[in-house]
Amino acid sequence: MFGLVGCADDPNSRPNGSAAQTASQTSEQNTQQTDTLGKETPNVAKRKLVLSKNNESGNPVRVGTLYFDESNRAALETEGTGPAVEQLKRDWEEVSKQNKLIWKKSVPDEIDGRTVTRIVGEEVAPGDENYIYAVLNTLERKYGYTVDLAD
């Protein structure tokens, strides 16, 4: 359904020790979340999207990762510094503020006895089971990122 393309690591885009430590601290802080009933529930990342942008040479360089917890909520962790990372922060802020995303996908159908493939859009809200796919699709289609789905 979606073409996922890998990317090369750019040594200049790796987080330094303090960024890695901050990510570790953030991960520890996000291990539990209080829901509206006041119960403690685990909030452990279970899936992630690895985000890349092409550099001046046309090679994809990793700029960040979106971590999705068990409730399908996402948190962005950027890698490195520079204009591409700053643009990712702005793009993610815009995407994450939307109440619903359109997940465009192809589905098989039959019209007049012929098998066809239709492109359909499905509205998906944050927290929905398919939210990760809507985010992947939106970041590729509207913002030009190369996005890899990982567990």
N, C-alpha and C. Protein backbone atom coordinates (compact mmCIF):
# COMPACT_ATOMS: atom_id res chain seq x y z
N MET A 1 0.82 -1.19 0.00
CA MET A 1 0.00 0.00 0.00
C MET A 1 0.87 1.25 0.00
N PHE A 2 1.91 1.29 0.84
CA PHE A 2 2.79 2.45 0.90
C PHE A 2 4.20 1.99 0.59
N GLY A 3 4.91 2.74 -0.22
CA GLY A 3 6.31 2.43 -0.47
C GLY A 3 7.15 3.03 0.62
N LEU A 4 7.90 2.22 1.30
CA LEU A 4 8.76 2.71 2.37
C LEU A 4 10.20 2.59 1.92
N VAL A 5 10.92 3.68 2.04
CA VAL A 5 12.29 3.72 1.56
C VAL A 5 13.21 3.97 2.73
N GLY A 6 14.31 3.25 2.81
CA GLY A 6 15.28 3.45 3.89
C GLY A 6 16.14 4.67 3.63
N CYS A 7 16.95 5.01 4.59
CA CYS A 7 17.82 6.17 4.42
C CYS A 7 19.16 5.90 5.07
N ALA A 8 20.13 6.63 4.61
CA ALA A 8 21.47 6.52 5.19
C ALA A 8 21.56 7.41 6.40
N ASP A 9 22.29 6.97 7.39
CA ASP A 9 22.53 7.82 8.54
C ASP A 9 23.59 8.84 8.18
N ASP A 10 23.33 10.08 8.52
CA ASP A 10 24.30 11.13 8.34
C ASP A 10 24.98 11.32 9.69
N PRO A 11 26.31 11.14 9.77
CA PRO A 11 26.97 11.26 11.07
C PRO A 11 26.73 12.61 11.72
N ASN A 12 26.50 13.65 10.91
CA ASN A 12 26.25 14.97 11.48
C ASN A 12 24.84 15.11 12.01
N SER A 13 23.94 14.14 11.70
CA SER A 13 22.56 14.27 12.15
C SER A 13 22.28 13.43 13.39
N ARG A 14 23.28 12.75 13.94
CA ARG A 14 23.06 11.95 15.14
C ARG A 14 22.99 12.86 16.35
N PRO A 15 22.14 12.53 17.31
CA PRO A 15 22.05 13.37 18.50
C PRO A 15 23.32 13.27 19.33
N ASN A 16 23.68 14.40 19.94
CA ASN A 16 24.84 14.37 20.82
C ASN A 16 24.43 13.76 22.15
N GLY A 17 25.36 13.61 23.05
CA GLY A 17 25.09 12.96 24.31
C GLY A 17 23.95 13.60 25.08
N SER A 18 23.89 14.93 25.11
CA SER A 18 22.83 15.58 25.88
C SER A 18 21.47 15.35 25.24
N ALA A 19 21.39 15.31 23.92
CA ALA A 19 20.11 15.05 23.26
C ALA A 19 19.68 13.62 23.53
N ALA A 20 20.61 12.68 23.49
CA ALA A 20 20.28 11.29 23.76
C ALA A 20 19.83 11.14 25.20
N GLN A 21 20.49 11.86 26.12
CA GLN A 21 20.12 11.80 27.53
C GLN A 21 18.72 12.38 27.71
N THR A 22 18.44 13.50 27.05
CA THR A 22 17.12 14.12 27.13
C THR A 22 16.06 13.16 26.63
N ALA A 23 16.34 12.46 25.52
CA ALA A 23 15.38 11.50 24.98
C ALA A 23 15.13 10.39 25.98
N SER A 24 16.20 9.94 26.66
CA SER A 24 16.06 8.89 27.66
C SER A 24 15.22 9.38 28.83
N GLN A 25 15.47 10.61 29.28
CA GLN A 25 14.70 11.17 30.38
C GLN A 25 13.24 11.32 29.98
N THR A 26 12.98 11.79 28.75
CA THR A 26 11.61 11.94 28.26
C THR A 26 10.92 10.60 28.22
N SER A 27 11.64 9.56 27.77
CA SER A 27 11.08 8.21 27.72
C SER A 27 10.69 7.74 29.10
N GLU A 28 11.54 7.99 30.09
CA GLU A 28 11.24 7.59 31.46
C GLU A 28 10.04 8.35 32.00
N GLN A 29 9.94 9.64 31.68
CA GLN A 29 8.83 10.44 32.15
C GLN A 29 7.52 10.00 31.53
N ASN A 30 7.58 9.47 30.29
CA ASN A 30 6.37 9.08 29.58
C ASN A 30 5.97 7.63 29.83
N THR A 31 6.63 6.95 30.77
CA THR A 31 6.30 5.55 30.97
C THR A 31 4.95 5.37 31.63
N GLN A 32 4.46 6.39 32.30
CA GLN A 32 3.13 6.30 32.87
C GLN A 32 2.37 7.58 32.58
N GLN A 33 1.07 7.40 32.40
CA GLN A 33 0.21 8.53 32.08
C GLN A 33 -1.04 8.40 32.91
N THR A 34 -1.53 9.50 33.43
CA THR A 34 -2.76 9.47 34.20
C THR A 34 -3.92 9.75 33.26
N ASP A 35 -4.88 8.80 33.20
CA ASP A 35 -6.03 9.03 32.32
C ASP A 35 -7.08 9.85 33.06
N THR A 36 -8.21 10.10 32.41
CA THR A 36 -9.22 10.98 32.98
C THR A 36 -9.84 10.41 34.24
N LEU A 37 -9.73 9.12 34.48
CA LEU A 37 -10.27 8.52 35.70
C LEU A 37 -9.26 8.53 36.83
N GLY A 38 -8.05 9.03 36.56
CA GLY A 38 -7.03 9.11 37.59
C GLY A 38 -6.24 7.84 37.77
N LYS A 39 -6.44 6.85 36.91
CA LYS A 39 -5.69 5.60 37.00
C LYS A 39 -4.36 5.75 36.27
N GLU A 40 -3.35 5.07 36.75
CA GLU A 40 -2.06 5.05 36.07
C GLU A 40 -2.11 3.98 34.98
N THR A 41 -1.75 4.36 33.76
CA THR A 41 -1.72 3.39 32.67
C THR A 41 -0.37 3.46 31.99
N PRO A 42 0.15 2.33 31.53
CA PRO A 42 1.45 2.36 30.85
C PRO A 42 1.34 3.14 29.54
N ASN A 43 2.39 3.89 29.24
CA ASN A 43 2.42 4.72 28.04
C ASN A 43 3.74 4.41 27.32
N VAL A 44 3.92 3.17 26.93
CA VAL A 44 5.18 2.72 26.36
C VAL A 44 5.09 2.77 24.85
N ALA A 45 6.14 3.31 24.22
CA ALA A 45 6.16 3.37 22.76
C ALA A 45 6.13 1.96 22.20
N LYS A 46 5.22 1.72 21.24
CA LYS A 46 5.16 0.39 20.65
C LYS A 46 5.46 0.40 19.17
N ARG A 47 5.30 1.53 18.49
CA ARG A 47 5.62 1.64 17.07
C ARG A 47 6.22 3.01 16.83
N LYS A 48 6.93 3.11 15.70
CA LYS A 48 7.53 4.40 15.40
C LYS A 48 7.60 4.62 13.90
N LEU A 49 7.67 5.89 13.52
CA LEU A 49 7.90 6.31 12.15
C LEU A 49 9.23 7.03 12.12
N VAL A 50 10.13 6.58 11.25
CA VAL A 50 11.43 7.22 11.08
C VAL A 50 11.31 8.17 9.90
N LEU A 51 11.64 9.45 10.13
CA LEU A 51 11.44 10.51 9.14
C LEU A 51 12.76 10.97 8.55
N SER A 52 12.78 11.10 7.22
CA SER A 52 13.98 11.54 6.51
C SER A 52 13.62 12.61 5.50
N LYS A 53 14.61 13.43 5.18
CA LYS A 53 14.50 14.44 4.12
C LYS A 53 15.76 14.35 3.28
N ASN A 54 15.65 14.65 2.01
CA ASN A 54 16.83 14.63 1.14
C ASN A 54 17.72 15.82 1.44
N ASN A 55 19.05 15.56 1.49
CA ASN A 55 20.01 16.64 1.69
C ASN A 55 20.35 17.28 0.33
N GLU A 56 21.32 18.18 0.32
CA GLU A 56 21.70 18.89 -0.90
C GLU A 56 22.14 17.93 -2.01
N SER A 57 22.68 16.78 -1.63
CA SER A 57 23.14 15.78 -2.61
C SER A 57 22.01 14.89 -3.10
N GLY A 58 20.82 15.06 -2.54
CA GLY A 58 19.69 14.22 -2.94
C GLY A 58 19.60 12.92 -2.18
N ASN A 59 20.43 12.75 -1.16
CA ASN A 59 20.40 11.53 -0.35
C ASN A 59 19.51 11.74 0.88
N PRO A 60 18.69 10.74 1.21
CA PRO A 60 17.84 10.88 2.40
C PRO A 60 18.67 10.85 3.68
N VAL A 61 18.36 11.78 4.59
CA VAL A 61 19.04 11.89 5.88
C VAL A 61 17.97 11.90 6.96
N ARG A 62 18.17 11.07 7.96
CA ARG A 62 17.21 10.98 9.07
C ARG A 62 17.18 12.29 9.84
N VAL A 63 15.95 12.82 10.04
CA VAL A 63 15.80 14.07 10.77
C VAL A 63 14.99 13.91 12.05
N GLY A 64 14.31 12.77 12.20
CA GLY A 64 13.53 12.58 13.42
C GLY A 64 12.79 11.26 13.43
N THR A 65 12.18 11.00 14.58
CA THR A 65 11.38 9.79 14.77
C THR A 65 10.13 10.16 15.54
N LEU A 66 9.00 9.63 15.09
CA LEU A 66 7.75 9.78 15.83
C LEU A 66 7.49 8.47 16.55
N TYR A 67 7.33 8.54 17.87
CA TYR A 67 7.05 7.37 18.69
C TYR A 67 5.57 7.36 19.04
N PHE A 68 4.90 6.24 18.77
CA PHE A 68 3.48 6.07 19.05
C PHE A 68 3.32 5.16 20.26
N ASP A 69 2.57 5.62 21.25
CA ASP A 69 2.35 4.81 22.44
C ASP A 69 1.14 3.89 22.23
N GLU A 70 0.77 3.16 23.25
CA GLU A 70 -0.32 2.19 23.14
C GLU A 70 -1.66 2.84 22.84
N SER A 71 -1.81 4.13 23.15
CA SER A 71 -3.07 4.82 22.84
C SER A 71 -3.01 5.49 21.47
N ASN A 72 -1.97 5.18 20.69
CA ASN A 72 -1.76 5.74 19.34
C ASN A 72 -1.60 7.25 19.35
N ARG A 73 -0.99 7.76 20.38
CA ARG A 73 -0.59 9.17 20.45
C ARG A 73 0.88 9.23 20.09
N ALA A 74 1.29 10.31 19.42
CA ALA A 74 2.66 10.39 18.92
C ALA A 74 3.46 11.49 19.61
N ALA A 75 4.76 11.23 19.75
CA ALA A 75 5.71 12.21 20.28
C ALA A 75 6.90 12.25 19.34
N LEU A 76 7.35 13.45 19.00
CA LEU A 76 8.46 13.65 18.07
C LEU A 76 9.78 13.75 18.82
N GLU A 77 10.78 13.04 18.31
CA GLU A 77 12.16 13.17 18.77
C GLU A 77 12.99 13.50 17.53
N THR A 78 13.63 14.68 17.53
CA THR A 78 14.42 15.09 16.36
C THR A 78 15.84 14.55 16.48
N GLU A 79 16.51 14.51 15.33
CA GLU A 79 17.90 14.04 15.28
C GLU A 79 18.75 15.12 14.64
N GLY A 80 19.72 15.61 15.38
CA GLY A 80 20.62 16.63 14.85
C GLY A 80 20.03 18.02 14.91
N THR A 81 20.66 18.91 14.14
CA THR A 81 20.23 20.30 14.08
C THR A 81 20.23 20.74 12.63
N GLY A 82 19.71 21.92 12.39
CA GLY A 82 19.73 22.47 11.05
C GLY A 82 18.35 22.80 10.54
N PRO A 83 18.28 23.37 9.33
CA PRO A 83 17.01 23.81 8.78
C PRO A 83 16.00 22.67 8.58
N ALA A 84 16.46 21.49 8.18
CA ALA A 84 15.53 20.37 7.96
C ALA A 84 14.88 19.93 9.27
N VAL A 85 15.63 19.94 10.35
CA VAL A 85 15.10 19.57 11.66
C VAL A 85 14.11 20.63 12.14
N GLU A 86 14.45 21.89 11.97
CA GLU A 86 13.54 22.97 12.37
C GLU A 86 12.24 22.92 11.55
N GLN A 87 12.36 22.60 10.27
CA GLN A 87 11.16 22.48 9.42
C GLN A 87 10.30 21.30 9.88
N LEU A 88 10.93 20.19 10.25
CA LEU A 88 10.18 19.04 10.77
C LEU A 88 9.40 19.43 12.02
N LYS A 89 10.01 20.19 12.91
CA LYS A 89 9.32 20.62 14.13
C LYS A 89 8.07 21.44 13.77
N ARG A 90 8.22 22.36 12.82
CA ARG A 90 7.06 23.17 12.40
C ARG A 90 5.99 22.31 11.74
N ASP A 91 6.44 21.40 10.86
CA ASP A 91 5.48 20.53 10.16
C ASP A 91 4.73 19.64 11.14
N TRP A 92 5.45 19.05 12.10
CA TRP A 92 4.80 18.18 13.06
C TRP A 92 3.84 18.95 13.95
N GLU A 93 4.21 20.17 14.31
CA GLU A 93 3.30 21.00 15.11
C GLU A 93 1.99 21.21 14.36
N GLU A 94 2.09 21.49 13.07
CA GLU A 94 0.90 21.69 12.24
C GLU A 94 0.06 20.41 12.13
N VAL A 95 0.71 19.28 11.86
CA VAL A 95 0.00 18.01 11.71
C VAL A 95 -0.64 17.60 13.03
N SER A 96 0.09 17.70 14.12
CA SER A 96 -0.41 17.22 15.41
C SER A 96 -1.57 18.06 15.95
N LYS A 97 -1.74 19.27 15.46
CA LYS A 97 -2.85 20.13 15.90
C LYS A 97 -4.17 19.78 15.20
N GLN A 98 -4.09 18.99 14.13
CA GLN A 98 -5.30 18.67 13.37
C GLN A 98 -6.13 17.63 14.12
N ASN A 99 -7.44 17.86 14.17
CA ASN A 99 -8.35 16.92 14.83
C ASN A 99 -8.50 15.62 14.06
N LYS A 100 -8.36 15.69 12.74
CA LYS A 100 -8.45 14.50 11.89
C LYS A 100 -7.51 14.66 10.72
N LEU A 101 -6.94 13.53 10.29
CA LEU A 101 -6.12 13.48 9.09
C LEU A 101 -6.84 12.64 8.05
N ILE A 102 -6.56 12.89 6.78
CA ILE A 102 -7.10 12.06 5.71
C ILE A 102 -6.05 11.04 5.33
N TRP A 103 -6.39 9.76 5.50
CA TRP A 103 -5.51 8.66 5.12
C TRP A 103 -5.94 8.22 3.73
N LYS A 104 -5.13 8.55 2.73
CA LYS A 104 -5.44 8.15 1.35
C LYS A 104 -4.83 6.78 1.12
N LYS A 105 -5.67 5.87 0.61
CA LYS A 105 -5.22 4.50 0.39
C LYS A 105 -5.93 3.92 -0.81
N SER A 106 -5.34 2.87 -1.37
CA SER A 106 -5.96 2.18 -2.49
C SER A 106 -6.70 0.95 -1.97
N VAL A 107 -7.89 0.73 -2.53
CA VAL A 107 -8.69 -0.43 -2.14
C VAL A 107 -9.23 -1.10 -3.39
N PRO A 108 -9.26 -2.43 -3.39
CA PRO A 108 -9.83 -3.13 -4.55
C PRO A 108 -11.35 -2.96 -4.55
N ASP A 109 -11.93 -2.92 -5.74
CA ASP A 109 -13.37 -2.76 -5.88
C ASP A 109 -13.79 -3.44 -7.17
N GLU A 110 -15.07 -3.58 -7.36
CA GLU A 110 -15.58 -4.15 -8.59
C GLU A 110 -16.62 -3.19 -9.16
N ILE A 111 -16.43 -2.82 -10.42
CA ILE A 111 -17.36 -1.93 -11.11
C ILE A 111 -17.71 -2.58 -12.44
N ASP A 112 -19.00 -2.77 -12.67
CA ASP A 112 -19.48 -3.41 -13.90
C ASP A 112 -18.77 -4.73 -14.18
N GLY A 113 -18.55 -5.53 -13.12
CA GLY A 113 -17.92 -6.83 -13.28
C GLY A 113 -16.42 -6.81 -13.46
N ARG A 114 -15.81 -5.62 -13.46
CA ARG A 114 -14.36 -5.50 -13.61
C ARG A 114 -13.73 -5.17 -12.26
N THR A 115 -12.59 -5.79 -11.98
CA THR A 115 -11.85 -5.48 -10.77
C THR A 115 -11.04 -4.21 -11.00
N VAL A 116 -11.21 -3.24 -10.10
CA VAL A 116 -10.50 -1.96 -10.21
C VAL A 116 -9.88 -1.63 -8.86
N THR A 117 -8.99 -0.68 -8.88
CA THR A 117 -8.40 -0.15 -7.65
C THR A 117 -8.85 1.30 -7.52
N ARG A 118 -9.47 1.58 -6.39
CA ARG A 118 -9.92 2.95 -6.11
C ARG A 118 -9.02 3.59 -5.06
N ILE A 119 -8.82 4.88 -5.18
CA ILE A 119 -8.11 5.65 -4.15
C ILE A 119 -9.19 6.31 -3.30
N VAL A 120 -9.17 6.02 -2.02
CA VAL A 120 -10.17 6.57 -1.12
C VAL A 120 -9.48 7.29 0.03
N GLY A 121 -10.18 8.22 0.61
CA GLY A 121 -9.69 8.94 1.78
C GLY A 121 -10.52 8.57 3.00
N GLU A 122 -9.83 8.22 4.07
CA GLU A 122 -10.50 7.86 5.33
C GLU A 122 -10.07 8.86 6.39
N GLU A 123 -11.04 9.46 7.07
CA GLU A 123 -10.72 10.38 8.16
C GLU A 123 -10.29 9.59 9.38
N VAL A 124 -9.15 9.99 9.96
CA VAL A 124 -8.61 9.30 11.13
C VAL A 124 -8.22 10.34 12.17
N ALA A 125 -8.65 10.13 13.40
CA ALA A 125 -8.35 11.04 14.50
C ALA A 125 -7.18 10.52 15.33
N PRO A 126 -6.47 11.42 16.02
CA PRO A 126 -5.42 10.95 16.94
C PRO A 126 -6.02 9.96 17.94
N GLY A 127 -5.30 8.88 18.17
CA GLY A 127 -5.78 7.85 19.07
C GLY A 127 -6.47 6.70 18.36
N ASP A 128 -6.93 6.93 17.11
CA ASP A 128 -7.56 5.85 16.33
C ASP A 128 -6.52 4.79 15.99
N GLU A 129 -6.99 3.58 15.78
CA GLU A 129 -6.12 2.45 15.47
C GLU A 129 -5.23 2.72 14.25
N ASN A 130 -5.75 3.40 13.25
CA ASN A 130 -5.01 3.66 12.00
C ASN A 130 -4.32 5.01 11.96
N TYR A 131 -4.22 5.70 13.10
CA TYR A 131 -3.63 7.04 13.13
C TYR A 131 -2.19 7.03 12.62
N ILE A 132 -1.41 6.02 12.97
CA ILE A 132 -0.02 5.96 12.52
C ILE A 132 0.07 5.97 10.99
N TYR A 133 -0.87 5.28 10.33
CA TYR A 133 -0.86 5.22 8.86
C TYR A 133 -1.28 6.55 8.25
N ALA A 134 -2.21 7.22 8.90
CA ALA A 134 -2.63 8.54 8.43
C ALA A 134 -1.49 9.55 8.56
N VAL A 135 -0.74 9.46 9.66
CA VAL A 135 0.42 10.35 9.86
C VAL A 135 1.47 10.05 8.80
N LEU A 136 1.78 8.77 8.58
CA LEU A 136 2.76 8.37 7.57
C LEU A 136 2.36 8.94 6.21
N ASN A 137 1.12 8.72 5.83
CA ASN A 137 0.62 9.16 4.54
C ASN A 137 0.66 10.68 4.41
N THR A 138 0.25 11.39 5.45
CA THR A 138 0.23 12.85 5.42
C THR A 138 1.63 13.44 5.31
N LEU A 139 2.57 12.90 6.09
CA LEU A 139 3.93 13.43 6.06
C LEU A 139 4.61 13.17 4.71
N GLU A 140 4.31 12.04 4.08
CA GLU A 140 4.87 11.77 2.75
C GLU A 140 4.18 12.61 1.68
N ARG A 141 2.87 12.59 1.69
CA ARG A 141 2.08 13.19 0.61
C ARG A 141 2.10 14.72 0.66
N LYS A 142 1.89 15.30 1.81
CA LYS A 142 1.75 16.75 1.91
C LYS A 142 3.03 17.49 2.26
N TYR A 143 3.97 16.79 2.92
CA TYR A 143 5.17 17.47 3.41
C TYR A 143 6.46 16.97 2.78
N GLY A 144 6.41 15.91 1.98
CA GLY A 144 7.57 15.46 1.24
C GLY A 144 8.61 14.68 2.01
N TYR A 145 8.27 14.12 3.16
CA TYR A 145 9.20 13.31 3.94
C TYR A 145 9.23 11.88 3.39
N THR A 146 10.36 11.22 3.57
CA THR A 146 10.45 9.78 3.38
C THR A 146 10.19 9.20 4.76
N VAL A 147 9.22 8.28 4.86
CA VAL A 147 8.80 7.79 6.17
C VAL A 147 8.90 6.26 6.17
N ASP A 148 9.60 5.73 7.18
CA ASP A 148 9.72 4.28 7.37
C ASP A 148 8.95 3.89 8.62
N LEU A 149 8.13 2.86 8.50
CA LEU A 149 7.38 2.31 9.61
C LEU A 149 8.24 1.27 10.31
N ALA A 150 8.39 1.38 11.63
CA ALA A 150 9.21 0.43 12.40
C ALA A 150 8.50 0.07 13.68
N ASP A 151 8.85 -1.08 14.24
CA ASP A 151 8.31 -1.51 15.55
C ASP A 151 9.34 -1.28 16.62
